[in-house]
N, C-alpha and C. Protein backbone atom coordinates (compact mmCIF):
# COMPACT_ATOMS: atom_id res chain seq x y z
N UNK A 1 49.36 43.75 28.20
CA UNK A 1 47.84 42.99 27.94
C UNK A 1 47.11 43.94 28.57
N UNK A 2 45.38 43.70 27.97
CA UNK A 2 44.34 44.08 28.91
C UNK A 2 43.33 43.46 29.13
N UNK A 3 43.73 44.25 30.35
CA UNK A 3 42.25 44.03 31.33
C UNK A 3 40.98 43.95 30.77
N UNK A 4 40.14 42.95 31.62
CA UNK A 4 38.86 43.46 31.08
C UNK A 4 37.97 44.05 32.61
N UNK A 5 36.67 44.26 32.56
CA UNK A 5 36.57 44.90 33.98
C UNK A 5 36.18 44.94 35.30
N UNK A 6 37.02 43.33 35.30
CA UNK A 6 37.02 42.65 36.29
C UNK A 6 38.07 42.62 37.14
N UNK A 7 38.28 42.79 35.77
CA UNK A 7 40.66 42.64 36.43
C UNK A 7 41.17 41.25 35.06
N UNK A 8 40.55 40.84 35.26
CA UNK A 8 40.67 39.44 34.37
C UNK A 8 40.98 39.22 33.12
N UNK A 9 42.25 38.96 32.50
CA UNK A 9 42.55 38.88 31.25
C UNK A 9 41.61 37.77 30.61
N UNK A 10 42.24 38.04 29.10
CA UNK A 10 40.67 37.00 27.87
C UNK A 10 41.53 35.92 28.49
N UNK A 11 42.59 35.37 29.49
CA UNK A 11 42.23 34.02 29.38
C UNK A 11 41.36 33.74 29.64
N UNK A 12 41.24 34.36 31.45
CA UNK A 12 40.54 33.59 32.25
C UNK A 12 39.46 34.08 31.96
N UNK A 13 38.83 34.57 30.74
CA UNK A 13 37.13 34.92 30.90
C UNK A 13 37.19 34.30 30.15
N UNK A 14 38.11 33.68 29.05
CA UNK A 14 37.73 32.22 28.57
C UNK A 14 37.18 31.31 29.31
N UNK A 15 38.55 30.87 29.71
CA UNK A 15 37.40 30.34 30.72
C UNK A 15 36.35 30.04 31.82
N UNK A 16 36.15 31.40 31.68
CA UNK A 16 34.66 31.53 32.55
C UNK A 16 34.07 30.66 31.16
N UNK A 17 33.95 31.16 30.23
CA UNK A 17 32.75 31.13 29.21
C UNK A 17 32.62 28.83 29.17
N UNK A 18 33.61 28.64 29.60
CA UNK A 18 33.78 27.50 28.60
C UNK A 18 33.07 26.15 30.68
N UNK A 19 34.03 26.87 31.25
CA UNK A 19 33.27 26.57 32.01
C UNK A 19 32.03 26.84 32.13
N UNK A 20 30.55 27.69 31.94
CA UNK A 20 29.60 27.72 31.96
C UNK A 20 28.63 27.15 31.24
N UNK A 21 29.25 26.99 29.44
CA UNK A 21 29.56 25.67 28.73
C UNK A 21 28.71 24.99 29.30
N UNK A 22 29.89 24.10 29.93
CA UNK A 22 29.74 22.99 30.03
C UNK A 22 28.73 22.80 31.14
N UNK A 23 28.10 23.53 32.43
CA UNK A 23 27.96 23.76 33.15
C UNK A 23 26.56 23.28 32.56
N UNK A 24 26.03 24.50 31.17
CA UNK A 24 24.73 24.46 30.42
C UNK A 24 24.79 22.79 30.64
N UNK A 25 26.00 22.77 29.72
CA UNK A 25 25.42 21.21 29.40
C UNK A 25 25.50 19.58 30.64
N UNK A 26 25.80 20.01 31.34
CA UNK A 26 25.79 19.13 32.60
C UNK A 26 23.70 18.95 33.29
N UNK A 27 23.45 20.32 33.24
CA UNK A 27 22.47 21.06 33.40
C UNK A 27 21.40 20.58 32.82
N UNK A 28 21.05 20.35 31.40
CA UNK A 28 20.72 19.98 30.24
C UNK A 28 20.71 18.21 30.07
N UNK A 29 21.31 17.29 30.69
CA UNK A 29 21.71 15.84 31.12
C UNK A 29 20.82 15.26 31.58
N UNK A 30 21.43 16.21 32.55
CA UNK A 30 20.32 16.77 34.56
C UNK A 30 18.86 16.39 33.88
N UNK A 31 18.15 17.24 32.86
CA UNK A 31 17.00 17.28 32.88
C UNK A 31 16.45 16.53 32.06
N UNK A 32 17.51 16.09 30.99
CA UNK A 32 16.84 14.89 29.60
C UNK A 32 16.63 13.30 31.10
N UNK A 33 17.44 13.08 32.32
CA UNK A 33 17.97 12.01 33.04
C UNK A 33 16.20 12.45 33.72
N UNK A 34 15.89 13.82 33.91
CA UNK A 34 14.99 13.93 35.34
C UNK A 34 13.43 13.42 33.94
N UNK A 35 13.39 14.29 33.12
CA UNK A 35 12.44 14.69 32.76
C UNK A 35 12.37 13.40 30.77
N UNK A 36 12.95 13.26 30.45
CA UNK A 36 13.10 12.55 29.01
C UNK A 36 13.14 10.51 29.54
N UNK A 37 13.89 10.24 30.73
CA UNK A 37 13.60 8.81 30.83
C UNK A 37 13.16 8.41 31.09
N UNK A 38 11.60 9.01 32.13
CA UNK A 38 10.62 8.26 32.30
C UNK A 38 10.06 8.38 30.89
N UNK A 39 9.58 8.93 30.35
CA UNK A 39 9.08 8.99 28.88
C UNK A 39 9.87 8.30 27.98
N UNK A 40 11.10 7.99 28.00
CA UNK A 40 11.29 6.54 27.34
C UNK A 40 11.45 5.86 27.75
N UNK A 41 11.23 5.33 29.13
CA UNK A 41 11.45 3.79 30.07
C UNK A 41 9.59 3.79 29.73
N UNK A 42 8.37 4.38 29.52
CA UNK A 42 7.20 4.20 29.38
C UNK A 42 7.37 3.37 28.14
N UNK A 43 7.73 4.10 26.99
CA UNK A 43 7.21 3.82 25.07
C UNK A 43 7.94 2.49 25.35
N UNK A 44 9.70 2.50 26.18
CA UNK A 44 10.12 0.78 25.82
C UNK A 44 8.86 -0.14 26.44
N UNK A 45 8.26 -0.21 27.70
CA UNK A 45 7.46 -1.04 28.33
C UNK A 45 6.04 -1.02 28.32
N UNK A 46 5.93 0.22 27.00
CA UNK A 46 4.44 -0.06 25.86
C UNK A 46 5.16 -0.72 25.14
N UNK A 47 5.92 -1.78 24.71
CA UNK A 47 6.08 -1.60 23.38
C UNK A 47 6.61 -4.03 23.84
N UNK A 48 5.77 -4.83 23.13
CA UNK A 48 6.67 -6.16 23.84
C UNK A 48 5.87 -6.82 22.24
N UNK A 49 7.16 -6.74 21.95
CA UNK A 49 7.73 -7.73 20.84
C UNK A 49 6.74 -9.12 19.96
N UNK A 50 6.82 -9.14 19.25
CA UNK A 50 5.58 -10.95 19.36
C UNK A 50 6.79 -11.56 17.96
N UNK A 51 6.61 -13.20 17.65
CA UNK A 51 7.55 -13.36 16.90
C UNK A 51 6.57 -13.99 15.92
N UNK A 52 7.61 -13.72 14.23
CA UNK A 52 6.65 -14.38 13.03
C UNK A 52 6.13 -15.34 14.00
N UNK A 53 5.10 -14.79 13.12
CA UNK A 53 4.17 -16.70 13.22
C UNK A 53 3.18 -16.30 13.99
N UNK A 54 4.06 -15.72 15.67
CA UNK A 54 3.28 -16.23 16.63
C UNK A 54 1.23 -15.54 16.53
N UNK A 55 0.91 -16.26 17.36
CA UNK A 55 -1.11 -15.42 17.24
C UNK A 55 -1.56 -15.26 18.72
N UNK A 56 -1.93 -13.59 18.11
CA UNK A 56 -2.66 -13.26 19.60
C UNK A 56 -4.59 -12.95 19.01
N UNK A 57 -5.22 -13.92 20.57
CA UNK A 57 -6.46 -14.59 20.65
C UNK A 57 -6.70 -13.35 21.45
N UNK A 58 -8.40 -12.91 21.16
CA UNK A 58 -8.70 -11.94 21.64
C UNK A 58 -10.31 -12.77 22.17
N UNK A 59 -10.64 -12.15 23.07
CA UNK A 59 -12.32 -12.79 23.32
C UNK A 59 -11.86 -12.92 25.36
N UNK A 60 -13.57 -14.56 25.10
CA UNK A 60 -12.66 -14.54 27.05
C UNK A 60 -12.55 -15.98 26.75
N UNK A 61 -12.95 -16.95 25.89
CA UNK A 61 -12.74 -17.98 25.75
C UNK A 61 -12.75 -19.42 24.47
N UNK A 62 -12.32 -20.38 24.03
CA UNK A 62 -12.24 -20.71 23.32
C UNK A 62 -13.11 -20.25 21.86
N UNK A 63 -14.12 -19.86 22.68
CA UNK A 63 -15.60 -19.95 21.53
C UNK A 63 -16.63 -18.71 21.51
N UNK A 64 -15.78 -18.20 21.97
CA UNK A 64 -16.20 -16.56 22.79
C UNK A 64 -15.46 -16.26 21.74
N UNK A 65 -13.24 -16.18 20.98
CA UNK A 65 -12.57 -14.72 21.01
C UNK A 65 -11.98 -15.03 19.34
N UNK A 66 -11.05 -14.86 19.02
CA UNK A 66 -10.66 -14.75 18.00
C UNK A 66 -9.46 -14.45 16.86
N UNK A 67 -8.60 -15.65 16.87
CA UNK A 67 -6.90 -15.07 16.65
C UNK A 67 -6.04 -14.99 15.11
N UNK A 68 -5.92 -14.28 15.53
CA UNK A 68 -5.01 -13.33 14.51
C UNK A 68 -3.50 -13.99 14.46
N UNK A 69 -2.60 -13.64 13.15
CA UNK A 69 -1.69 -13.91 13.30
C UNK A 69 -0.34 -13.82 12.67
N UNK A 70 0.23 -13.24 13.06
CA UNK A 70 1.13 -11.91 13.06
C UNK A 70 2.04 -12.72 12.58
N UNK A 71 2.88 -11.38 10.87
CA UNK A 71 4.54 -11.45 10.87
C UNK A 71 5.59 -11.24 11.62
N UNK A 72 6.64 -10.98 10.81
CA UNK A 72 7.21 -9.93 11.86
C UNK A 72 7.48 -8.64 11.38
N UNK A 73 7.73 -8.15 12.50
CA UNK A 73 8.14 -6.81 12.87
C UNK A 73 7.28 -6.22 13.80
N UNK A 74 6.02 -7.12 14.29
CA UNK A 74 4.63 -6.76 15.12
C UNK A 74 5.17 -6.52 16.93
N UNK A 75 4.69 -5.46 17.60
CA UNK A 75 3.95 -5.89 18.81
C UNK A 75 3.05 -5.69 19.39
N UNK A 76 3.09 -5.53 20.45
CA UNK A 76 1.16 -5.29 21.07
C UNK A 76 1.69 -3.84 22.40
N UNK A 77 0.93 -3.59 22.28
CA UNK A 77 0.60 -2.29 22.99
C UNK A 77 0.32 -2.67 24.85
N UNK A 78 0.97 -3.42 25.78
CA UNK A 78 0.02 -3.41 26.30
C UNK A 78 -0.83 -2.86 27.02
N UNK A 79 -0.76 -1.22 27.21
CA UNK A 79 -0.85 -0.30 28.34
C UNK A 79 -2.80 0.30 27.01
N UNK A 80 -2.66 -0.06 25.74
CA UNK A 80 -3.82 -0.19 24.84
C UNK A 80 -4.42 -0.81 25.15
N UNK A 81 -4.14 -2.73 25.56
CA UNK A 81 -4.32 -4.05 25.08
C UNK A 81 -5.19 -5.01 26.54
N UNK A 82 -6.25 -5.45 26.48
CA UNK A 82 -7.22 -6.26 27.29
C UNK A 82 -6.90 -7.41 26.44
N UNK A 83 -7.09 -9.03 26.53
CA UNK A 83 -6.64 -9.85 25.69
C UNK A 83 -7.95 -10.44 26.10
N UNK A 84 -8.82 -9.67 26.96
CA UNK A 84 -10.80 -9.80 26.56
C UNK A 84 -11.56 -9.33 26.17
N UNK A 85 -11.19 -7.82 25.68
CA UNK A 85 -11.54 -6.90 25.00
C UNK A 85 -11.50 -7.25 23.68
N UNK A 86 -10.45 -6.69 23.38
CA UNK A 86 -9.24 -5.91 22.37
C UNK A 86 -7.45 -5.61 22.58
N UNK A 87 -6.89 -5.86 21.61
CA UNK A 87 -5.37 -5.35 21.67
C UNK A 87 -5.04 -4.68 20.71
N UNK A 88 -4.34 -3.68 20.57
CA UNK A 88 -3.56 -3.13 19.44
C UNK A 88 -2.13 -3.04 18.86
N UNK A 89 -1.96 -3.46 18.42
CA UNK A 89 -0.34 -4.56 17.70
C UNK A 89 0.54 -3.44 16.55
N UNK A 90 1.28 -3.19 16.64
CA UNK A 90 2.55 -2.10 15.48
C UNK A 90 2.44 -2.57 15.27
N UNK A 91 3.24 -2.46 13.57
CA UNK A 91 3.99 -2.64 12.96
C UNK A 91 4.44 -1.11 11.63
N UNK A 92 5.52 -0.44 12.47
CA UNK A 92 6.14 0.42 12.00
C UNK A 92 4.96 1.86 12.46
N UNK A 93 5.07 2.36 10.91
CA UNK A 93 4.13 3.27 11.84
C UNK A 93 2.46 2.93 11.48
N UNK A 94 1.95 0.85 10.81
CA UNK A 94 0.50 0.56 11.28
C UNK A 94 0.54 0.16 12.70
N UNK A 95 -0.72 1.26 12.90
CA UNK A 95 -1.54 0.83 13.50
C UNK A 95 -2.94 -0.43 13.01
N UNK A 96 -3.03 -1.41 14.62
CA UNK A 96 -4.28 -2.65 14.19
C UNK A 96 -4.84 -2.37 14.99
N UNK A 97 -5.96 -2.26 15.16
CA UNK A 97 -6.85 -2.67 16.65
C UNK A 97 -8.05 -2.79 16.11
N UNK A 98 -8.01 -4.30 17.41
CA UNK A 98 -8.93 -5.90 17.06
C UNK A 98 -8.99 -6.02 17.86
N UNK A 99 -11.07 -5.35 18.53
CA UNK A 99 -12.13 -5.30 19.33
C UNK A 99 -12.55 -6.87 19.15
N UNK A 100 -13.16 -7.51 20.35
CA UNK A 100 -14.70 -8.53 20.80
C UNK A 100 -15.08 -7.52 20.15
N UNK A 101 -16.44 -8.00 20.12
CA UNK A 101 -18.24 -6.85 19.98
C UNK A 101 -18.93 -8.21 19.96
N UNK A 102 -20.17 -7.45 20.44
CA UNK A 102 -21.13 -8.12 20.89
C UNK A 102 -21.98 -8.30 19.19
N UNK A 103 -22.34 -9.44 19.52
CA UNK A 103 -23.39 -8.93 17.99
C UNK A 103 -24.73 -9.71 18.99
N UNK A 104 -26.09 -10.01 18.67
CA UNK A 104 -27.37 -10.49 18.75
C UNK A 104 -27.82 -11.11 17.04
N UNK A 105 -27.39 -10.06 16.34
CA UNK A 105 -27.95 -10.52 15.24
C UNK A 105 -27.96 -10.44 13.79
N UNK A 106 -27.48 -10.94 12.61
CA UNK A 106 -26.54 -10.22 11.98
C UNK A 106 -27.04 -8.79 10.81
N UNK A 107 -29.04 -8.30 11.35
CA UNK A 107 -28.90 -6.99 11.29
C UNK A 107 -28.03 -5.91 11.66
N UNK A 108 -26.93 -5.94 12.96
CA UNK A 108 -26.04 -5.50 13.10
C UNK A 108 -25.09 -5.21 13.36
N UNK A 109 -24.69 -5.98 11.98
CA UNK A 109 -23.97 -5.70 11.42
C UNK A 109 -23.68 -3.66 10.46
N UNK A 110 -24.88 -4.02 10.13
CA UNK A 110 -25.28 -2.99 9.42
C UNK A 110 -25.34 -1.24 10.27
N UNK A 111 -25.95 -1.85 11.68
CA UNK A 111 -25.92 -0.77 12.41
C UNK A 111 -24.08 -0.67 13.14
N UNK A 112 -23.20 -1.45 13.70
CA UNK A 112 -22.10 -1.18 13.39
C UNK A 112 -21.17 -1.02 12.28
N UNK A 113 -21.11 -1.17 11.02
CA UNK A 113 -20.53 -0.28 11.04
C UNK A 113 -20.69 1.27 10.85
N UNK A 114 -21.98 1.49 10.67
CA UNK A 114 -21.97 2.89 10.62
C UNK A 114 -21.91 3.54 12.05
N UNK A 115 -21.70 2.64 12.78
CA UNK A 115 -21.57 3.59 14.59
C UNK A 115 -20.01 3.17 14.21
N UNK A 116 -19.08 2.36 13.19
CA UNK A 116 -17.41 2.60 13.69
C UNK A 116 -17.59 4.30 12.82
N UNK A 117 -17.78 3.88 11.85
CA UNK A 117 -18.48 4.85 10.62
C UNK A 117 -18.14 6.54 11.62
N UNK A 118 -18.56 6.39 12.13
CA UNK A 118 -19.46 7.43 13.21
C UNK A 118 -17.60 7.23 14.77
N UNK A 119 -17.08 6.36 15.26
CA UNK A 119 -16.40 6.52 16.37
C UNK A 119 -14.85 7.21 14.62
N UNK A 120 -14.67 6.79 14.20
CA UNK A 120 -14.12 7.17 13.15
C UNK A 120 -13.03 8.47 13.33
N UNK A 121 -14.53 9.29 12.90
CA UNK A 121 -14.99 10.50 12.30
C UNK A 121 -14.48 10.87 13.35
N UNK A 122 -14.67 10.36 14.41
CA UNK A 122 -14.32 11.73 15.56
C UNK A 122 -12.49 11.90 16.09
N UNK A 123 -12.28 9.69 16.44
CA UNK A 123 -10.83 9.20 17.35
C UNK A 123 -9.80 10.04 15.78
N UNK A 124 -9.82 10.13 14.29
CA UNK A 124 -9.70 9.86 13.13
C UNK A 124 -9.73 12.10 12.83
N UNK A 125 -10.40 12.71 13.07
CA UNK A 125 -10.92 14.15 12.11
C UNK A 125 -10.68 14.25 10.19
N UNK A 126 -11.40 13.73 10.43
CA UNK A 126 -11.93 14.95 8.89
C UNK A 126 -11.99 12.67 7.46
N UNK A 127 -11.76 12.04 8.72
CA UNK A 127 -11.46 10.28 8.04
C UNK A 127 -13.20 9.69 7.93
N UNK A 128 -12.98 9.33 6.65
CA UNK A 128 -14.57 8.85 5.60
C UNK A 128 -14.48 6.71 6.06
N UNK A 129 -15.18 6.42 5.91
CA UNK A 129 -15.81 4.25 5.93
C UNK A 129 -16.15 4.84 5.26
N UNK A 130 -15.32 3.86 3.98
CA UNK A 130 -16.41 3.68 3.34
C UNK A 130 -18.08 2.31 3.22
N UNK A 131 -18.07 1.96 1.84
CA UNK A 131 -19.24 1.08 2.35
C UNK A 131 -18.24 0.27 2.19
N UNK A 132 -19.17 -0.97 3.47
CA UNK A 132 -19.09 -2.62 3.26
C UNK A 132 -19.27 -3.11 2.09
N UNK A 133 -17.95 -4.43 1.89
CA UNK A 133 -18.08 -5.40 0.57
C UNK A 133 -18.17 -5.94 0.94
N UNK A 134 -18.57 -7.05 1.01
CA UNK A 134 -18.81 -8.83 1.50
C UNK A 134 -16.94 -9.29 1.15
N UNK A 135 -17.10 -10.10 1.58
CA UNK A 135 -16.02 -10.85 1.74
C UNK A 135 -15.10 -11.82 2.73
N UNK A 136 -14.23 -12.53 2.34
CA UNK A 136 -14.29 -13.89 3.51
C UNK A 136 -12.67 -13.12 4.03
N UNK A 137 -12.61 -14.21 5.04
CA UNK A 137 -11.00 -14.00 5.32
C UNK A 137 -10.48 -15.89 4.61
N UNK A 138 -8.91 -15.55 5.01
CA UNK A 138 -8.30 -16.72 4.11
C UNK A 138 -8.89 -18.44 4.55
N UNK A 139 -9.89 -18.15 6.38
CA UNK A 139 -10.28 -19.08 6.57
C UNK A 139 -11.55 -19.60 6.34
N UNK A 140 -11.96 -18.66 5.40
CA UNK A 140 -13.42 -18.98 4.55
C UNK A 140 -14.15 -18.86 5.67
N UNK A 141 -14.31 -17.39 6.33
CA UNK A 141 -15.10 -17.09 7.36
C UNK A 141 -15.89 -16.01 6.89
N UNK A 142 -17.43 -15.85 5.70
CA UNK A 142 -17.95 -14.45 6.13
C UNK A 142 -17.18 -12.88 6.65
N UNK A 143 -16.93 -11.69 5.87
CA UNK A 143 -16.90 -11.12 6.72
C UNK A 143 -17.11 -9.43 5.88
N UNK A 144 -17.15 -8.26 6.35
CA UNK A 144 -17.75 -7.30 5.80
C UNK A 144 -16.45 -6.42 5.74
N UNK A 145 -15.71 -5.94 4.76
CA UNK A 145 -14.53 -4.68 4.87
C UNK A 145 -14.79 -3.76 3.93
N UNK A 146 -13.70 -1.97 4.58
CA UNK A 146 -14.19 -0.99 3.39
C UNK A 146 -12.71 -0.51 3.98
N UNK A 147 -12.98 0.40 3.11
CA UNK A 147 -12.24 1.46 3.19
C UNK A 147 -12.20 2.45 3.85
N UNK A 148 -10.67 3.47 4.72
CA UNK A 148 -11.50 4.05 5.73
C UNK A 148 -10.10 5.21 5.28
N UNK A 149 -10.46 6.24 4.81
CA UNK A 149 -9.82 7.21 4.19
C UNK A 149 -9.62 9.03 4.72
N UNK A 150 -8.88 9.08 5.14
CA UNK A 150 -8.75 10.67 5.62
C UNK A 150 -7.66 12.23 5.09
N UNK A 151 -7.11 13.11 5.73
CA UNK A 151 -6.12 13.70 5.50
C UNK A 151 -4.88 13.29 5.31
N UNK A 152 -4.55 12.84 6.74
CA UNK A 152 -2.80 12.32 6.87
C UNK A 152 -2.82 10.58 6.66
N UNK A 153 -4.60 10.05 6.83
CA UNK A 153 -3.95 8.71 7.22
C UNK A 153 -4.66 8.16 6.21
N UNK A 154 -4.69 6.62 6.27
CA UNK A 154 -5.90 5.52 5.60
C UNK A 154 -6.09 4.29 5.68
N UNK A 155 -6.46 3.68 5.36
CA UNK A 155 -6.51 2.31 6.13
C UNK A 155 -7.52 1.78 5.75
N UNK A 156 -8.48 0.22 6.74
CA UNK A 156 -9.25 -0.36 6.22
C UNK A 156 -9.43 -0.49 7.43
N UNK A 157 -11.00 -0.87 7.40
CA UNK A 157 -12.31 -1.60 8.30
C UNK A 157 -12.69 -2.40 8.42
N UNK A 158 -13.03 -3.58 8.99
CA UNK A 158 -12.63 -4.97 8.96
C UNK A 158 -13.88 -5.19 10.14
N UNK A 159 -15.56 -6.20 9.63
CA UNK A 159 -15.88 -7.17 10.44
C UNK A 159 -16.14 -8.23 10.26
N UNK A 160 -15.44 -9.15 11.50
CA UNK A 160 -15.47 -10.49 11.05
C UNK A 160 -16.37 -11.62 12.17
N UNK A 161 -18.10 -11.78 11.43
CA UNK A 161 -19.02 -12.19 12.86
C UNK A 161 -18.69 -13.95 13.56
N UNK A 162 -18.61 -14.37 13.83
CA UNK A 162 -18.04 -15.60 15.32
C UNK A 162 -19.20 -16.38 14.84
N UNK A 163 -18.89 -17.60 15.20
CA UNK A 163 -19.35 -19.17 14.17
C UNK A 163 -20.82 -18.98 14.52
N UNK A 164 -20.67 -18.13 15.76
CA UNK A 164 -21.69 -18.84 17.02
C UNK A 164 -22.85 -17.24 16.68
N UNK A 165 -22.13 -15.94 15.65
CA UNK A 165 -23.25 -15.32 15.69
C UNK A 165 -23.58 -14.56 16.84
N UNK A 166 -23.16 -14.69 17.87
CA UNK A 166 -23.41 -13.50 18.67
C UNK A 166 -22.47 -12.92 19.77
N UNK A 167 -21.34 -13.19 19.02
CA UNK A 167 -19.92 -11.97 18.61
C UNK A 167 -19.62 -11.54 17.13
N UNK A 168 -18.40 -11.41 17.22
CA UNK A 168 -17.19 -10.33 16.45
C UNK A 168 -16.11 -10.47 16.32
N UNK A 169 -15.45 -9.75 15.05
CA UNK A 169 -13.69 -9.42 15.61
C UNK A 169 -14.74 -7.94 14.80
N UNK A 170 -14.32 -7.35 15.58
CA UNK A 170 -13.88 -5.56 14.69
C UNK A 170 -12.18 -5.43 14.29
N UNK A 171 -11.90 -4.54 13.55
CA UNK A 171 -9.90 -4.64 12.89
C UNK A 171 -10.72 -3.52 12.23
N UNK A 172 -9.49 -2.25 13.26
CA UNK A 172 -9.30 -0.94 11.89
C UNK A 172 -7.65 -1.10 11.93
N UNK A 173 -7.94 -0.78 10.58
CA UNK A 173 -6.10 -0.93 10.02
C UNK A 173 -5.45 0.46 9.33
N UNK A 174 -4.72 1.21 10.47
CA UNK A 174 -4.82 3.03 9.80
C UNK A 174 -3.68 3.22 9.97
N UNK A 175 -2.72 3.75 8.65
CA UNK A 175 -1.31 4.43 8.51
C UNK A 175 -1.63 4.97 8.41
N UNK A 176 -0.10 6.50 7.69
CA UNK A 176 0.04 7.44 7.63
C UNK A 176 0.40 7.52 5.93
N UNK A 177 -0.52 8.38 4.78
CA UNK A 177 -0.05 8.61 2.94
C UNK A 177 1.02 7.85 3.64
N UNK A 178 2.25 7.32 2.60
CA UNK A 178 2.69 7.56 1.50
C UNK A 178 3.60 5.92 2.87
N UNK A 179 2.57 5.55 3.40
CA UNK A 179 3.16 4.36 4.18
C UNK A 179 3.73 3.18 3.39
N UNK A 180 3.82 2.42 3.19
CA UNK A 180 4.94 1.37 1.86
C UNK A 180 4.14 1.03 1.88
N UNK A 181 3.20 -0.24 0.12
CA UNK A 181 2.91 -0.70 0.21
C UNK A 181 2.74 -2.47 0.76
N UNK A 182 4.46 -2.84 1.19
CA UNK A 182 4.33 -4.21 1.27
C UNK A 182 4.18 -3.80 3.31
N UNK A 183 3.78 -2.52 3.85
CA UNK A 183 3.23 -3.01 5.99
C UNK A 183 1.70 -3.16 5.31
N UNK A 184 1.61 -2.27 4.52
CA UNK A 184 -0.28 -1.93 4.11
C UNK A 184 -0.02 -3.82 3.90
N UNK A 185 0.35 -3.90 2.72
CA UNK A 185 0.04 -5.51 3.00
C UNK A 185 -0.26 -6.69 3.74
N UNK A 186 1.40 -6.14 4.99
CA UNK A 186 1.08 -7.57 6.02
C UNK A 186 -0.07 -7.37 7.37
N UNK A 187 -0.40 -5.63 7.13
CA UNK A 187 -1.28 -6.17 7.92
C UNK A 187 -2.76 -6.35 7.37
N UNK A 188 -2.72 -6.28 6.11
CA UNK A 188 -4.23 -6.69 5.39
C UNK A 188 -4.33 -8.36 5.78
N UNK A 189 -2.99 -8.63 5.86
CA UNK A 189 -2.67 -9.88 5.50
C UNK A 189 -2.35 -10.90 7.12
N UNK A 190 -2.57 -10.17 8.28
CA UNK A 190 -2.80 -10.14 9.61
C UNK A 190 -4.63 -10.22 10.14
N UNK A 191 -4.92 -9.60 9.40
CA UNK A 191 -7.03 -9.09 9.35
C UNK A 191 -6.66 -10.56 8.40
N UNK A 192 -6.55 -10.55 7.07
CA UNK A 192 -7.58 -11.53 6.65
C UNK A 192 -7.13 -13.26 7.49
N UNK A 193 -5.65 -13.49 8.27
CA UNK A 193 -6.05 -14.57 9.06
C UNK A 193 -6.55 -15.48 10.37
N UNK A 194 -7.60 -14.16 11.43
CA UNK A 194 -9.18 -14.68 12.26
C UNK A 194 -9.37 -15.53 11.46
N UNK A 195 -9.06 -16.37 12.66
CA UNK A 195 -9.51 -17.40 12.88
C UNK A 195 -10.19 -17.73 13.91
N UNK A 196 -11.13 -18.97 14.18
CA UNK A 196 -12.11 -19.80 15.00
C UNK A 196 -12.00 -20.66 15.50
N UNK A 197 -12.77 -20.57 16.92
CA UNK A 197 -12.43 -22.13 17.29
C UNK A 197 -14.07 -22.56 17.22
N UNK A 198 -14.06 -23.97 15.99
CA UNK A 198 -15.68 -24.00 16.02
C UNK A 198 -16.55 -23.68 17.47
N UNK A 199 -17.80 -23.80 17.98
CA UNK A 199 -18.79 -23.32 19.19
C UNK A 199 -18.90 -25.05 19.71
N UNK A 200 -18.46 -25.39 20.34
CA UNK A 200 -19.50 -27.10 20.46
C UNK A 200 -20.82 -27.01 20.57
N UNK A 201 -20.68 -28.48 21.09
CA UNK A 201 -22.34 -29.05 20.49
C UNK A 201 -22.71 -29.69 21.40
């Protein structure tokens, strides 16, 4: 049997290789636990599941807020949400941003639509916001809505004025192209479910 230059035989050399391989695996696992675990923990912590039929309310009080009802599979991202101003919801690849916005008069809706288009073009490069179409929610509130289109993402934007006309709820749905029709329909259903408490007289 021939020995290598260090005087060790093939068996000793193989054992050394195995030990080095295991050492590399242990180092990789330690690196994963040190760097990857906090990231995983952060992702899990930023995921608050919602029950089927749960209601999410954004606003500062009963007459200054709007409420949507979600179906199954939705969750809140607490790190991006503020109950008085905004909620970010997700369902699979779909993201739904719900914001409470101040309104002074109806003319602001047109200005807000242009502003929403500008914001989307910055946050979603290459995207465009279609012309607003008048519609109504499932509870009969007047609204304007339009399509969002981009190279990789598609969706819709909707603005629904509150009963007092002093505030409104702006919602933007975004999903990667190729997202199933069922998921997109589920997002539209959440948007249409927006409802308000009637202002006190």
